[in-house]
Amino acid sequence: MMRLVQLQNEGARAVAIVDEQRLVLLDGCASVYELAQACISEGRGLAAAARDLAGARTLSYDAVYAGAEEWRLLPPMDHPIEPARCLVSGTGLTHVASANNRDAMHAKAEDLTDSMRMYRWGVEGGKPPAGAIGAAPEWFYKGNGTQLRAHGEPLEVPAFAGDGGEEPELAGVYVVDSAGVPRRLGFAQGNEFSDHEFERRNYLYLAASKLRTCAIGPELVVGADFGDVPGAVTVERGGAVLWSRAIRSGEKNMSHSLANLEHHHFKFELHRRPGDVHVHYFGADAFSFGEGVLLQNGDVMQVHFEGYGRPLRNPVHRGNAQAAVVAVASLEAE
């Protein structure tokens, strides 16, 4: 297993291997995207190629992680040239806790909600035999690469939003090769930040509630175990723990297999455009909104899965601006 980070120092970029307290910079490689493209061209694995490029330059990971270095962390995967060619998406209702939370938002006492029906479809048909197609999961669009934030960067609650809440998840990271074949590079910890208050008003607001900034990182884990992954999610307020829960992800704890989720994402031809990057969230096991916690400006959200590197920490940022009308300018009469 190997862990990689992406870094930026003003206009310069770099990739580094995580070696405990050190970051070992790669020679002649400015992005994971560049490294992946070279691996595809040469028929090599990502970890082997990174080891061969490891140079003599190192940085203190403690200093970089704390934001005390000139080099700062970037999301561990992006499209370095065209951010809009990075599709950020997700799969919901893959864990029983997420289905229960969603069910509670929209349930009537006597009804089985669509959320719970979809979760049950996953339980019944989400792990088909090899080579077979299973039940389709819920799928949603988060935005493009301009929505991705790194460790330490704030996740913004827009003026028009109802709220902002953490969703601790694992995310798959992919690049599509020149033949249109999706290539998985690895996994990263993620915070699929969403507007649960807006969604709770009506289930049909789900799509719009997902169009928010989100985070992955700090590390891309190559060769990670995705079988049974324990972790914890924590919300801090004023330097003290406000709320915390143990979480579990990975195939053992999900109603769908990884292969089935990947099939249903990449079955769409438009998701197999050569050169595109995909970051796909695989669902949450717990989130504070489901237990009545409303995050405030300055709260710090932490996501940490065992074996996936250092915790991903992001503050909530909610400005004082009021929602304003966005006016469309017309060229029709000019």
Protein backbone atom coordinates (compact mmCIF):
# COMPACT_ATOMS: atom_id res chain seq x y z
CA MET A 1 0.00 0.00 0.00
CA MET A 2 1.21 3.50 -0.84
CA ARG A 3 -0.10 6.92 0.15
CA LEU A 4 0.37 9.97 -2.08
CA VAL A 5 -0.34 13.66 -1.60
CA GLN A 6 -0.47 16.59 -4.00
CA LEU A 7 1.09 19.90 -3.02
CA GLN A 8 1.22 23.46 -4.28
CA ASN A 9 3.62 26.32 -3.56
CA GLU A 10 2.35 29.43 -5.31
CA GLY A 11 2.37 28.40 -8.98
CA ALA A 12 4.43 25.23 -8.52
CA ARG A 13 2.90 21.80 -7.97
CA ALA A 14 4.36 18.53 -6.72
CA VAL A 15 3.48 14.95 -5.78
CA ALA A 16 4.95 13.25 -2.72
CA ILE A 17 4.98 9.81 -1.13
CA VAL A 18 3.94 9.75 2.52
CA ASP A 19 6.78 8.22 4.56
CA GLU A 20 5.59 8.53 8.16
CA GLN A 21 6.72 12.02 9.23
CA ARG A 22 8.27 12.88 5.86
CA LEU A 23 6.90 13.68 2.45
CA VAL A 24 9.26 12.42 -0.26
CA LEU A 25 8.81 14.53 -3.37
CA LEU A 26 8.75 12.88 -6.78
CA ASP A 27 11.18 14.13 -9.41
CA GLY A 28 9.70 15.39 -12.67
CA CYS A 29 6.07 14.84 -11.68
CA ALA A 30 3.71 17.74 -10.94
CA SER A 31 0.38 15.90 -10.47
CA VAL A 32 -1.13 12.48 -9.83
CA TYR A 33 -2.95 12.93 -13.14
CA GLU A 34 0.40 13.23 -14.94
CA LEU A 35 1.72 10.18 -13.07
CA ALA A 36 -1.38 8.15 -13.97
CA GLN A 37 -1.16 9.06 -17.65
CA ALA A 38 2.48 7.96 -17.74
CA CYS A 39 1.55 4.66 -16.05
CA ILE A 40 -1.18 3.99 -18.62
CA SER A 41 1.17 4.74 -21.51
CA GLU A 42 3.94 2.55 -20.10
CA GLY A 43 1.73 -0.26 -18.76
CA ARG A 44 2.96 0.22 -15.20
CA GLY A 45 1.36 0.39 -11.77
CA LEU A 46 0.98 3.68 -9.92
CA ALA A 47 2.89 2.60 -6.80
CA ALA A 48 5.87 1.22 -8.74
CA ALA A 49 6.12 4.34 -10.89
CA ALA A 50 5.97 6.61 -7.84
CA ARG A 51 8.74 4.65 -6.09
CA ASP A 52 10.97 5.00 -9.15
CA LEU A 53 10.47 8.78 -9.18
CA ALA A 54 11.11 9.30 -5.46
CA GLY A 55 13.85 11.91 -5.13
CA ALA A 56 16.07 13.34 -2.45
CA ARG A 57 13.84 16.31 -1.55
CA THR A 58 11.66 15.91 1.54
CA LEU A 59 9.24 18.02 3.56
CA SER A 60 8.00 17.73 7.13
CA TYR A 61 4.53 16.19 6.91
CA ASP A 62 3.66 17.64 10.32
CA ALA A 63 4.39 21.17 9.09
CA VAL A 64 2.51 20.72 5.81
CA TYR A 65 -0.46 19.08 7.51
CA ALA A 66 -0.67 21.93 10.03
CA GLY A 67 -0.49 24.58 7.30
CA ALA A 68 2.86 25.85 8.60
CA GLU A 69 4.81 25.27 5.37
CA GLU A 70 4.98 27.24 2.13
CA TRP A 71 3.85 24.07 0.42
CA ARG A 72 0.14 23.43 1.04
CA LEU A 73 -1.94 20.34 0.49
CA LEU A 74 -4.22 20.01 -2.52
CA PRO A 75 -6.95 17.41 -2.99
CA PRO A 76 -5.00 14.21 -3.70
CA MET A 77 -6.52 13.97 -7.18
CA ASP A 78 -7.77 16.56 -9.65
CA HIS A 79 -7.56 17.49 -13.30
CA PRO A 80 -4.66 19.96 -13.18
CA ILE A 81 -5.40 21.59 -16.56
CA GLU A 82 -9.20 21.59 -16.84
CA PRO A 83 -10.96 21.31 -13.45
CA ALA A 84 -14.32 20.94 -15.19
CA ARG A 85 -13.10 17.60 -16.60
CA CYS A 86 -13.18 16.16 -13.08
CA LEU A 87 -16.67 14.78 -12.37
CA VAL A 88 -17.58 14.62 -8.69
CA SER A 89 -20.48 12.29 -7.90
CA GLY A 90 -21.74 9.89 -5.30
CA THR A 91 -23.82 6.87 -4.40
CA GLY A 92 -26.30 7.07 -1.54
CA LEU A 93 -28.26 4.58 0.56
CA THR A 94 -25.39 2.09 0.52
CA HIS A 95 -25.12 1.81 4.32
CA VAL A 96 -28.02 0.95 6.60
CA ALA A 97 -27.41 3.98 8.83
CA SER A 98 -27.67 6.37 5.89
CA ALA A 99 -30.89 4.70 4.77
CA ASN A 100 -32.32 5.01 8.28
CA ASN A 101 -31.37 8.69 8.51
CA ARG A 102 -32.88 9.46 5.11
CA ASP A 103 -35.95 7.40 5.99
CA ALA A 104 -36.44 9.43 9.17
CA MET A 105 -36.30 12.69 7.20
CA HIS A 106 -39.12 11.75 4.87
CA ALA A 107 -41.12 8.97 6.52
CA LYS A 108 -44.80 8.94 7.29
CA ALA A 109 -45.75 6.64 10.12
CA GLU A 110 -47.51 4.11 7.91
CA ASP A 111 -45.31 4.24 4.81
CA LEU A 112 -42.13 2.57 3.62
CA THR A 113 -40.19 5.41 1.99
CA ASP A 114 -38.48 5.25 -1.39
CA SER A 115 -35.18 5.58 0.51
CA MET A 116 -35.74 2.37 2.43
CA ARG A 117 -37.06 0.60 -0.67
CA MET A 118 -33.89 1.49 -2.56
CA TYR A 119 -31.70 0.36 0.31
CA ARG A 120 -33.54 -2.97 0.39
CA TRP A 121 -33.07 -3.38 -3.36
CA GLY A 122 -29.36 -3.09 -2.66
CA VAL A 123 -29.52 -5.68 0.10
CA GLU A 124 -31.41 -8.06 -2.19
CA GLY A 125 -29.46 -7.48 -5.41
CA GLY A 126 -26.51 -5.18 -4.88
CA LYS A 127 -23.85 -7.89 -4.68
CA PRO A 128 -24.33 -10.01 -7.81
CA PRO A 129 -22.01 -12.87 -8.82
CA ALA A 130 -18.90 -11.92 -10.79
CA GLY A 131 -19.82 -10.95 -14.33
CA ALA A 132 -23.49 -10.26 -13.50
CA ILE A 133 -25.23 -6.89 -13.18
CA GLY A 134 -26.90 -6.14 -9.87
CA ALA A 135 -29.47 -3.63 -8.65
CA ALA A 136 -28.80 0.00 -9.51
CA PRO A 137 -27.94 2.27 -6.56
CA GLU A 138 -29.00 5.83 -5.96
CA TRP A 139 -26.66 8.17 -7.87
CA PHE A 140 -26.13 11.92 -7.53
CA TYR A 141 -24.03 14.68 -9.04
CA LYS A 142 -21.86 16.85 -6.77
CA GLY A 143 -20.32 19.12 -9.39
CA ASN A 144 -16.93 19.30 -11.05
CA GLY A 145 -13.39 19.72 -9.82
CA THR A 146 -13.96 23.35 -8.82
CA GLN A 147 -16.09 22.00 -5.94
CA LEU A 148 -13.27 19.90 -4.45
CA ARG A 149 -11.47 21.16 -1.36
CA ALA A 150 -8.32 19.90 0.34
CA HIS A 151 -7.60 19.07 3.97
CA GLY A 152 -7.79 22.25 6.05
CA GLU A 153 -9.83 24.24 3.55
CA PRO A 154 -13.28 25.48 4.56
CA LEU A 155 -16.46 23.94 3.18
CA GLU A 156 -18.84 26.75 2.36
CA VAL A 157 -22.52 27.10 3.19
CA PRO A 158 -23.95 29.43 0.51
CA ALA A 159 -26.22 32.30 1.52
CA PHE A 160 -29.19 30.56 -0.10
CA ALA A 161 -28.61 27.23 1.69
CA GLY A 162 -30.57 25.72 4.52
CA ASP A 163 -27.49 24.37 6.29
CA GLY A 164 -24.29 22.43 5.72
CA GLY A 165 -23.49 19.07 7.23
CA GLU A 166 -20.68 16.53 7.12
CA GLU A 167 -21.01 13.13 5.45
CA PRO A 168 -17.95 10.95 6.21
CA GLU A 169 -17.24 8.64 3.31
CA LEU A 170 -14.63 6.84 1.26
CA ALA A 171 -14.25 7.98 -2.33
CA GLY A 172 -12.93 6.15 -5.36
CA VAL A 173 -10.56 8.03 -7.64
CA TYR A 174 -10.44 7.24 -11.37
CA VAL A 175 -9.05 8.39 -14.70
CA VAL A 176 -10.40 7.27 -18.07
CA ASP A 177 -7.74 6.04 -20.48
CA SER A 178 -7.51 6.75 -24.22
CA ALA A 179 -9.59 3.67 -25.03
CA GLY A 180 -12.42 4.77 -22.74
CA VAL A 181 -11.57 2.28 -19.97
CA PRO A 182 -11.96 3.62 -16.41
CA ARG A 183 -8.79 3.07 -14.33
CA ARG A 184 -9.07 3.14 -10.53
CA LEU A 185 -6.06 4.84 -8.94
CA GLY A 186 -7.08 4.27 -5.34
CA PHE A 187 -9.29 5.61 -2.58
CA ALA A 188 -9.38 8.70 -0.39
CA GLN A 189 -11.19 9.76 2.74
CA GLY A 190 -13.98 12.17 1.95
CA ASN A 191 -16.45 14.63 3.41
CA GLU A 192 -19.41 14.71 1.04
CA PHE A 193 -20.73 17.95 2.56
CA SER A 194 -24.46 18.43 1.86
CA ASP A 195 -27.48 20.61 2.70
CA HIS A 196 -29.66 18.27 4.76
CA GLU A 197 -32.05 20.98 5.90
CA PHE A 198 -32.95 21.81 2.29
CA GLU A 199 -33.33 18.15 1.40
CA ARG A 200 -35.60 17.52 4.39
CA ARG A 201 -38.19 19.95 3.03
CA ASN A 202 -38.90 17.63 0.12
CA TYR A 203 -37.17 14.55 -1.25
CA LEU A 204 -37.14 16.13 -4.72
CA TYR A 205 -34.68 18.74 -3.42
CA LEU A 206 -32.04 16.02 -3.00
CA ALA A 207 -30.29 16.84 -6.29
CA ALA A 208 -29.90 20.54 -5.47
CA SER A 209 -28.88 19.80 -1.87
CA LYS A 210 -25.82 17.95 -3.18
CA LEU A 211 -24.44 20.90 -5.19
CA ARG A 212 -22.05 22.02 -2.49
CA THR A 213 -18.30 22.08 -1.91
CA CYS A 214 -16.83 18.83 -0.61
CA ALA A 215 -13.44 17.49 0.40
CA ILE A 216 -11.16 14.51 -0.16
CA GLY A 217 -7.78 13.69 1.32
CA PRO A 218 -5.35 14.44 2.59
CA GLU A 219 -3.97 11.29 0.95
CA LEU A 220 -4.67 9.08 -2.04
CA VAL A 221 -4.28 5.49 -0.86
CA VAL A 222 -3.05 3.09 -3.54
CA GLY A 223 -3.75 -0.58 -2.86
CA ALA A 224 -6.04 0.06 0.12
CA ASP A 225 -8.21 -2.60 1.73
CA PHE A 226 -11.85 -1.82 0.88
CA GLY A 227 -13.30 -4.84 2.65
CA ASP A 228 -14.06 -3.67 6.19
CA VAL A 229 -12.88 -0.17 7.06
CA PRO A 230 -13.51 1.21 10.56
CA GLY A 231 -13.23 4.87 11.40
CA ALA A 232 -14.65 7.83 13.28
CA VAL A 233 -16.30 11.14 12.49
CA THR A 234 -16.05 14.10 14.85
CA VAL A 235 -17.42 17.62 15.02
CA GLU A 236 -15.51 20.15 17.13
CA ARG A 237 -16.81 23.51 18.34
CA GLY A 238 -14.58 26.00 20.09
CA GLY A 239 -11.78 23.44 20.34
CA ALA A 240 -13.92 20.83 22.13
CA VAL A 241 -15.65 17.74 20.77
CA LEU A 242 -19.34 18.50 20.16
CA TRP A 243 -20.31 15.16 18.60
CA SER A 244 -18.50 11.99 17.58
CA ARG A 245 -19.42 8.56 16.25
CA ALA A 246 -17.65 5.38 15.22
CA ILE A 247 -18.25 4.57 11.55
CA ARG A 248 -17.57 1.64 9.23
CA SER A 249 -17.37 1.49 5.47
CA GLY A 250 -16.10 -0.94 2.87
CA GLU A 251 -17.91 -3.74 1.06
CA LYS A 252 -18.66 -5.78 4.18
CA ASN A 253 -20.74 -2.90 5.55
CA MET A 254 -22.46 -1.92 2.30
CA SER A 255 -25.48 -3.22 0.43
CA HIS A 256 -23.62 -3.12 -2.91
CA SER A 257 -20.31 -4.53 -4.06
CA LEU A 258 -17.65 -2.14 -5.27
CA ALA A 259 -17.82 -3.73 -8.74
CA ASN A 260 -21.57 -3.16 -8.93
CA LEU A 261 -21.27 0.49 -7.89
CA GLU A 262 -18.49 1.07 -10.42
CA HIS A 263 -20.49 -0.62 -13.20
CA HIS A 264 -23.54 1.54 -12.60
CA HIS A 265 -21.44 4.71 -12.61
CA PHE A 266 -19.39 3.93 -15.68
CA LYS A 267 -22.15 2.23 -17.72
CA PHE A 268 -23.00 5.69 -19.05
CA GLU A 269 -20.92 6.45 -22.12
CA LEU A 270 -20.54 10.09 -21.10
CA HIS A 271 -18.69 8.85 -17.98
CA ARG A 272 -16.09 7.10 -20.12
CA ARG A 273 -14.68 10.09 -21.96
CA PRO A 274 -10.91 9.64 -22.41
CA GLY A 275 -8.85 11.91 -20.19
CA ASP A 276 -11.59 12.66 -17.66
CA VAL A 277 -11.12 12.29 -13.90
CA HIS A 278 -13.83 10.91 -11.61
CA VAL A 279 -14.14 11.26 -7.85
CA HIS A 280 -17.03 9.13 -6.58
CA TYR A 281 -18.26 9.02 -2.98
CA PHE A 282 -19.51 5.62 -1.80
CA GLY A 283 -21.94 6.61 0.95
CA ALA A 284 -21.95 7.46 4.63
CA ASP A 285 -22.53 5.40 7.76
CA ALA A 286 -23.43 8.29 10.11
CA PHE A 287 -23.79 12.05 10.10
CA SER A 288 -24.53 14.53 12.84
CA PHE A 289 -27.65 16.02 11.24
CA GLY A 290 -29.39 12.68 11.69
CA GLU A 291 -28.96 13.13 15.46
CA GLY A 292 -30.21 16.71 15.55
CA VAL A 293 -26.85 18.53 15.40
CA LEU A 294 -26.82 21.73 13.33
CA LEU A 295 -23.33 22.86 12.39
CA GLN A 296 -22.29 26.47 12.93
CA ASN A 297 -19.73 28.74 11.35
CA GLY A 298 -16.25 27.72 12.52
CA ASP A 299 -17.14 24.15 13.53
CA VAL A 300 -14.44 21.69 12.44
CA MET A 301 -15.43 18.37 10.85
CA GLN A 302 -13.00 15.46 11.01
CA VAL A 303 -13.18 12.20 9.04
CA HIS A 304 -10.71 9.42 9.82
CA PHE A 305 -10.71 5.87 8.44
CA GLU A 306 -8.09 3.41 9.68
CA GLY A 307 -5.38 2.70 7.11
CA TYR A 308 -6.25 5.75 5.01
CA GLY A 309 -3.72 8.18 6.38
CA ARG A 310 -4.06 11.25 8.52
CA PRO A 311 -7.52 12.62 9.35
CA LEU A 312 -9.32 14.89 6.90
CA ARG A 313 -10.24 18.11 8.72
CA ASN A 314 -12.32 20.96 7.30
CA PRO A 315 -13.97 23.95 9.01
CA VAL A 316 -17.49 25.06 8.18
CA HIS A 317 -17.66 28.52 6.69
CA ARG A 318 -20.91 30.42 6.57
CA GLY A 319 -20.67 34.11 5.72
CA ASN A 320 -23.04 36.88 6.70
CA ALA A 321 -24.17 37.66 3.16
CA GLN A 322 -27.88 37.48 2.41
CA ALA A 323 -29.24 35.52 -0.52
CA ALA A 324 -29.58 37.77 -3.56
CA VAL A 325 -31.37 37.41 -6.86
CA VAL A 326 -29.11 36.26 -9.69
CA ALA A 327 -30.23 38.24 -12.71
CA VAL A 328 -29.75 36.93 -16.23
CA ALA A 329 -28.48 39.46 -18.77
CA SER A 330 -30.05 39.28 -22.20
CA LEU A 331 -28.33 39.61 -25.55
CA GLU A 332 -31.56 39.16 -27.47
CA ALA A 333 -32.30 42.85 -27.96
CA GLU A 334 -28.73 44.06 -28.42
